[in-house]
Amino acid sequence: MGIVHEGAKRAAALGFPTVNISLEDTSLSGVYAACVKVGNNEHVAAAFADPERGILEAYLLDFSPRTLYGETITIELYERIRRSMKFETDKARRSAIADDVAKVREYFKKRA
């Protein structure tokens, strides 16, 4: 659980706006299938735990973009999709995020 704060907006520039909170468990790293609770609503998400920056960020799938800065949210991680990676280009990063989102959708489709 944490308060949403403004991030670097790198994923947003690639078409994947995220909500960002402080990462409490620095043993976590990589991309996860997740659910984000905003108020009384839960949203499927692809989440990225970055212990180097101390940030847990999540791209909410099928969510109408709106600013959540200052709101308290909960990000529940379910399954690690992949380890953290460095990318040489924005195109490579965008492709990896799109693949992560597809894997998250598949993960939750199998759970339904």
N, C-alpha and C. Protein backbone atom coordinates (compact mmCIF):
# COMPACT_ATOMS: atom_id res chain seq x y z
N MET A 1 0.86 -1.17 0.00
CA MET A 1 0.00 0.00 0.00
C MET A 1 0.90 1.23 0.00
N GLY A 2 0.47 2.24 -0.73
CA GLY A 2 1.26 3.46 -0.76
C GLY A 2 0.51 4.59 -1.42
N ILE A 3 1.10 5.76 -1.33
CA ILE A 3 0.52 6.96 -1.94
C ILE A 3 1.16 7.15 -3.31
N VAL A 4 0.32 7.35 -4.32
CA VAL A 4 0.79 7.51 -5.70
C VAL A 4 1.55 8.83 -5.82
N HIS A 5 2.75 8.71 -6.38
CA HIS A 5 3.56 9.91 -6.63
C HIS A 5 4.00 9.93 -8.09
N GLU A 6 4.41 11.09 -8.53
CA GLU A 6 4.82 11.27 -9.91
C GLU A 6 6.15 10.56 -10.15
N GLY A 7 6.23 9.85 -11.29
CA GLY A 7 7.45 9.17 -11.65
C GLY A 7 8.17 9.89 -12.78
N ALA A 8 9.10 9.20 -13.41
CA ALA A 8 9.90 9.78 -14.50
C ALA A 8 9.13 9.82 -15.82
N LYS A 9 8.01 9.11 -15.89
CA LYS A 9 7.12 9.07 -17.07
C LYS A 9 7.77 8.43 -18.30
N ARG A 10 8.76 7.56 -18.06
CA ARG A 10 9.39 6.86 -19.19
C ARG A 10 8.42 5.90 -19.85
N ALA A 11 7.68 5.11 -19.05
CA ALA A 11 6.72 4.16 -19.63
C ALA A 11 5.55 4.91 -20.27
N ALA A 12 5.13 6.01 -19.68
CA ALA A 12 4.03 6.81 -20.25
C ALA A 12 4.40 7.32 -21.64
N ALA A 13 5.65 7.71 -21.82
CA ALA A 13 6.11 8.20 -23.12
C ALA A 13 6.05 7.11 -24.18
N LEU A 14 6.02 5.85 -23.74
CA LEU A 14 5.94 4.71 -24.66
C LEU A 14 4.51 4.20 -24.82
N GLY A 15 3.55 4.88 -24.18
CA GLY A 15 2.15 4.49 -24.29
C GLY A 15 1.63 3.64 -23.15
N PHE A 16 2.41 3.55 -22.07
CA PHE A 16 2.03 2.73 -20.92
C PHE A 16 2.14 3.55 -19.63
N PRO A 17 1.18 4.46 -19.38
CA PRO A 17 1.25 5.27 -18.16
C PRO A 17 1.11 4.39 -16.91
N THR A 18 1.91 4.68 -15.90
CA THR A 18 1.90 3.87 -14.69
C THR A 18 1.56 4.71 -13.46
N VAL A 19 1.14 4.00 -12.42
CA VAL A 19 1.03 4.59 -11.09
C VAL A 19 2.28 4.15 -10.34
N ASN A 20 2.83 5.02 -9.53
CA ASN A 20 4.08 4.75 -8.84
C ASN A 20 3.91 4.93 -7.34
N ILE A 21 4.40 3.93 -6.58
CA ILE A 21 4.45 4.03 -5.13
C ILE A 21 5.84 3.58 -4.69
N SER A 22 6.17 3.85 -3.45
CA SER A 22 7.46 3.41 -2.91
C SER A 22 7.45 1.89 -2.75
N LEU A 23 8.58 1.28 -3.07
CA LEU A 23 8.74 -0.17 -2.94
C LEU A 23 9.18 -0.48 -1.52
N GLU A 24 8.34 -1.20 -0.78
CA GLU A 24 8.65 -1.55 0.61
C GLU A 24 9.61 -2.73 0.70
N ASP A 25 9.39 -3.75 -0.13
CA ASP A 25 10.18 -4.98 -0.09
C ASP A 25 11.24 -4.94 -1.18
N THR A 26 12.45 -4.56 -0.82
CA THR A 26 13.51 -4.40 -1.82
C THR A 26 14.08 -5.72 -2.32
N SER A 27 13.54 -6.85 -1.84
CA SER A 27 13.96 -8.15 -2.39
C SER A 27 13.20 -8.44 -3.69
N LEU A 28 12.15 -7.67 -3.96
CA LEU A 28 11.37 -7.85 -5.19
C LEU A 28 12.06 -7.14 -6.35
N SER A 29 12.02 -7.79 -7.52
CA SER A 29 12.61 -7.19 -8.71
C SER A 29 11.98 -7.83 -9.94
N GLY A 30 11.69 -7.03 -10.95
CA GLY A 30 11.16 -7.56 -12.20
C GLY A 30 9.71 -7.18 -12.43
N VAL A 31 9.11 -7.87 -13.41
CA VAL A 31 7.74 -7.59 -13.84
C VAL A 31 6.82 -8.68 -13.30
N TYR A 32 5.65 -8.26 -12.81
CA TYR A 32 4.70 -9.18 -12.18
C TYR A 32 3.29 -8.99 -12.73
N ALA A 33 2.52 -10.08 -12.75
CA ALA A 33 1.07 -9.98 -12.92
C ALA A 33 0.57 -9.47 -11.57
N ALA A 34 -0.31 -8.47 -11.61
CA ALA A 34 -0.73 -7.82 -10.36
C ALA A 34 -2.16 -7.33 -10.44
N CYS A 35 -2.69 -6.98 -9.28
CA CYS A 35 -3.97 -6.27 -9.18
C CYS A 35 -3.71 -5.00 -8.38
N VAL A 36 -4.33 -3.92 -8.82
CA VAL A 36 -4.20 -2.63 -8.13
C VAL A 36 -5.57 -2.25 -7.61
N LYS A 37 -5.64 -1.98 -6.32
CA LYS A 37 -6.90 -1.54 -5.72
C LYS A 37 -6.85 -0.02 -5.58
N VAL A 38 -7.83 0.63 -6.24
CA VAL A 38 -8.00 2.08 -6.19
C VAL A 38 -9.38 2.32 -5.61
N GLY A 39 -9.45 2.78 -4.39
CA GLY A 39 -10.75 2.92 -3.73
C GLY A 39 -11.38 1.55 -3.58
N ASN A 40 -12.61 1.39 -4.06
CA ASN A 40 -13.30 0.10 -4.00
C ASN A 40 -13.15 -0.71 -5.27
N ASN A 41 -12.34 -0.24 -6.20
CA ASN A 41 -12.19 -0.92 -7.50
C ASN A 41 -10.84 -1.60 -7.61
N GLU A 42 -10.85 -2.79 -8.25
CA GLU A 42 -9.60 -3.51 -8.51
C GLU A 42 -9.36 -3.55 -10.00
N HIS A 43 -8.10 -3.39 -10.39
CA HIS A 43 -7.72 -3.37 -11.80
C HIS A 43 -6.55 -4.33 -12.02
N VAL A 44 -6.66 -5.13 -13.08
CA VAL A 44 -5.55 -5.99 -13.49
C VAL A 44 -4.42 -5.09 -13.96
N ALA A 45 -3.18 -5.49 -13.65
CA ALA A 45 -2.05 -4.63 -13.99
C ALA A 45 -0.79 -5.44 -14.26
N ALA A 46 0.11 -4.82 -15.00
CA ALA A 46 1.48 -5.30 -15.13
C ALA A 46 2.30 -4.38 -14.22
N ALA A 47 2.98 -4.96 -13.24
CA ALA A 47 3.72 -4.17 -12.26
C ALA A 47 5.21 -4.41 -12.39
N PHE A 48 5.99 -3.38 -12.13
CA PHE A 48 7.44 -3.46 -12.21
C PHE A 48 8.04 -3.02 -10.88
N ALA A 49 8.77 -3.94 -10.24
CA ALA A 49 9.46 -3.64 -8.99
C ALA A 49 10.91 -3.30 -9.30
N ASP A 50 11.33 -2.09 -8.92
CA ASP A 50 12.68 -1.62 -9.19
C ASP A 50 13.35 -1.26 -7.86
N PRO A 51 14.07 -2.22 -7.26
CA PRO A 51 14.69 -1.95 -5.96
C PRO A 51 15.79 -0.89 -6.03
N GLU A 52 16.43 -0.73 -7.18
CA GLU A 52 17.48 0.28 -7.31
C GLU A 52 16.92 1.69 -7.12
N ARG A 53 15.71 1.94 -7.66
CA ARG A 53 15.07 3.25 -7.52
C ARG A 53 14.08 3.27 -6.36
N GLY A 54 13.81 2.10 -5.75
CA GLY A 54 12.86 2.03 -4.63
C GLY A 54 11.43 2.30 -5.05
N ILE A 55 11.09 1.86 -6.29
CA ILE A 55 9.77 2.16 -6.85
C ILE A 55 9.05 0.87 -7.26
N LEU A 56 7.75 0.85 -7.00
CA LEU A 56 6.86 -0.18 -7.52
C LEU A 56 5.87 0.56 -8.41
N GLU A 57 5.91 0.27 -9.71
CA GLU A 57 5.01 0.96 -10.64
C GLU A 57 4.13 -0.05 -11.34
N ALA A 58 2.92 0.37 -11.69
CA ALA A 58 1.96 -0.54 -12.31
C ALA A 58 1.22 0.14 -13.44
N TYR A 59 1.13 -0.58 -14.55
CA TYR A 59 0.32 -0.16 -15.69
C TYR A 59 -1.02 -0.86 -15.56
N LEU A 60 -2.08 -0.11 -15.35
CA LEU A 60 -3.42 -0.68 -15.16
C LEU A 60 -4.03 -0.96 -16.52
N LEU A 61 -4.32 -2.22 -16.79
CA LEU A 61 -4.90 -2.62 -18.07
C LEU A 61 -6.36 -2.18 -18.11
N ASP A 62 -6.81 -1.73 -19.27
CA ASP A 62 -8.21 -1.36 -19.47
C ASP A 62 -8.69 -0.32 -18.45
N PHE A 63 -7.85 0.64 -18.17
CA PHE A 63 -8.17 1.70 -17.21
C PHE A 63 -8.17 3.03 -17.94
N SER A 64 -9.24 3.78 -17.79
CA SER A 64 -9.30 5.11 -18.41
C SER A 64 -8.32 6.01 -17.67
N PRO A 65 -7.35 6.55 -18.39
CA PRO A 65 -6.32 7.35 -17.73
C PRO A 65 -6.91 8.55 -16.98
N ARG A 66 -6.46 8.71 -15.77
CA ARG A 66 -6.74 9.89 -14.97
C ARG A 66 -5.63 9.99 -13.94
N THR A 67 -5.43 11.14 -13.43
CA THR A 67 -4.36 11.34 -12.45
C THR A 67 -4.76 10.75 -11.11
N LEU A 68 -3.88 9.92 -10.57
CA LEU A 68 -4.12 9.32 -9.26
C LEU A 68 -3.12 9.84 -8.22
N TYR A 69 -2.36 10.88 -8.56
CA TYR A 69 -1.37 11.42 -7.62
C TYR A 69 -2.03 11.76 -6.29
N GLY A 70 -1.38 11.32 -5.22
CA GLY A 70 -1.87 11.61 -3.88
C GLY A 70 -2.86 10.60 -3.34
N GLU A 71 -3.37 9.71 -4.20
CA GLU A 71 -4.32 8.69 -3.74
C GLU A 71 -3.57 7.49 -3.15
N THR A 72 -4.19 6.85 -2.17
CA THR A 72 -3.62 5.64 -1.59
C THR A 72 -4.13 4.44 -2.37
N ILE A 73 -3.20 3.61 -2.83
CA ILE A 73 -3.54 2.41 -3.59
C ILE A 73 -2.82 1.21 -2.99
N THR A 74 -3.29 0.03 -3.36
CA THR A 74 -2.63 -1.21 -2.98
C THR A 74 -2.29 -1.97 -4.26
N ILE A 75 -1.04 -2.41 -4.37
CA ILE A 75 -0.62 -3.23 -5.50
C ILE A 75 -0.30 -4.62 -4.97
N GLU A 76 -1.09 -5.61 -5.40
CA GLU A 76 -0.89 -6.99 -4.98
C GLU A 76 -0.22 -7.74 -6.12
N LEU A 77 0.97 -8.29 -5.85
CA LEU A 77 1.71 -9.03 -6.86
C LEU A 77 1.34 -10.50 -6.81
N TYR A 78 1.14 -11.11 -7.99
CA TYR A 78 0.76 -12.51 -8.06
C TYR A 78 1.87 -13.40 -8.58
N GLU A 79 2.33 -13.17 -9.78
CA GLU A 79 3.34 -14.05 -10.37
C GLU A 79 4.36 -13.22 -11.13
N ARG A 80 5.63 -13.59 -10.96
CA ARG A 80 6.68 -12.87 -11.70
C ARG A 80 6.64 -13.31 -13.15
N ILE A 81 6.59 -12.33 -14.04
CA ILE A 81 6.53 -12.57 -15.49
C ILE A 81 7.93 -12.65 -16.08
N ARG A 82 8.80 -11.76 -15.63
CA ARG A 82 10.20 -11.78 -16.09
C ARG A 82 11.06 -10.98 -15.12
N ARG A 83 12.37 -11.22 -15.24
CA ARG A 83 13.32 -10.47 -14.42
C ARG A 83 13.48 -9.06 -14.98
N SER A 84 14.10 -8.21 -14.22
CA SER A 84 14.38 -6.85 -14.66
C SER A 84 15.44 -6.90 -15.76
N MET A 85 15.28 -6.03 -16.76
CA MET A 85 16.21 -6.00 -17.89
C MET A 85 16.56 -4.56 -18.23
N LYS A 86 17.71 -4.37 -18.85
CA LYS A 86 18.11 -3.07 -19.40
C LYS A 86 17.84 -3.11 -20.90
N PHE A 87 17.40 -1.99 -21.46
CA PHE A 87 17.08 -1.93 -22.89
C PHE A 87 17.94 -0.88 -23.58
N GLU A 88 18.38 -1.22 -24.78
CA GLU A 88 19.22 -0.31 -25.56
C GLU A 88 18.41 0.81 -26.22
N THR A 89 17.14 0.51 -26.57
CA THR A 89 16.33 1.50 -27.29
C THR A 89 14.92 1.56 -26.71
N ASP A 90 14.23 2.67 -26.98
CA ASP A 90 12.83 2.79 -26.58
C ASP A 90 11.98 1.76 -27.30
N LYS A 91 12.32 1.45 -28.54
CA LYS A 91 11.57 0.45 -29.31
C LYS A 91 11.64 -0.91 -28.61
N ALA A 92 12.82 -1.29 -28.14
CA ALA A 92 12.98 -2.57 -27.44
C ALA A 92 12.20 -2.56 -26.12
N ARG A 93 12.24 -1.43 -25.40
CA ARG A 93 11.51 -1.31 -24.13
C ARG A 93 10.00 -1.41 -24.38
N ARG A 94 9.51 -0.70 -25.40
CA ARG A 94 8.08 -0.72 -25.74
C ARG A 94 7.64 -2.14 -26.09
N SER A 95 8.44 -2.83 -26.88
CA SER A 95 8.12 -4.20 -27.29
C SER A 95 8.06 -5.13 -26.07
N ALA A 96 9.00 -4.99 -25.16
CA ALA A 96 9.02 -5.83 -23.96
C ALA A 96 7.80 -5.55 -23.08
N ILE A 97 7.45 -4.28 -22.92
CA ILE A 97 6.28 -3.94 -22.10
C ILE A 97 5.01 -4.50 -22.73
N ALA A 98 4.88 -4.38 -24.04
CA ALA A 98 3.70 -4.92 -24.73
C ALA A 98 3.63 -6.43 -24.53
N ASP A 99 4.76 -7.11 -24.58
CA ASP A 99 4.80 -8.55 -24.34
C ASP A 99 4.42 -8.87 -22.89
N ASP A 100 4.91 -8.07 -21.96
CA ASP A 100 4.55 -8.24 -20.54
C ASP A 100 3.04 -8.12 -20.35
N VAL A 101 2.45 -7.11 -20.97
CA VAL A 101 1.00 -6.88 -20.85
C VAL A 101 0.24 -8.08 -21.41
N ALA A 102 0.67 -8.62 -22.54
CA ALA A 102 0.02 -9.80 -23.12
C ALA A 102 0.13 -10.99 -22.17
N LYS A 103 1.27 -11.17 -21.54
CA LYS A 103 1.45 -12.28 -20.60
C LYS A 103 0.59 -12.10 -19.36
N VAL A 104 0.44 -10.87 -18.90
CA VAL A 104 -0.43 -10.60 -17.75
C VAL A 104 -1.88 -10.91 -18.10
N ARG A 105 -2.31 -10.48 -19.28
CA ARG A 105 -3.68 -10.79 -19.72
C ARG A 105 -3.89 -12.31 -19.74
N GLU A 106 -2.93 -13.04 -20.28
CA GLU A 106 -3.03 -14.50 -20.36
C GLU A 106 -3.07 -15.12 -18.96
N TYR A 107 -2.26 -14.61 -18.06
CA TYR A 107 -2.24 -15.11 -16.69
C TYR A 107 -3.62 -15.00 -16.05
N PHE A 108 -4.25 -13.83 -16.17
CA PHE A 108 -5.56 -13.64 -15.55
C PHE A 108 -6.67 -14.35 -16.31
N LYS A 109 -6.51 -14.53 -17.60
CA LYS A 109 -7.49 -15.29 -18.39
C LYS A 109 -7.53 -16.74 -17.90
N LYS A 110 -6.37 -17.30 -17.60
CA LYS A 110 -6.30 -18.69 -17.11
C LYS A 110 -6.87 -18.81 -15.70
N ARG A 111 -6.81 -17.74 -14.92
CA ARG A 111 -7.33 -17.76 -13.55
C ARG A 111 -8.84 -17.58 -13.49
N ALA A 112 -9.44 -17.08 -14.57
CA ALA A 112 -10.88 -16.77 -14.56
C ALA A 112 -11.74 -18.01 -14.53
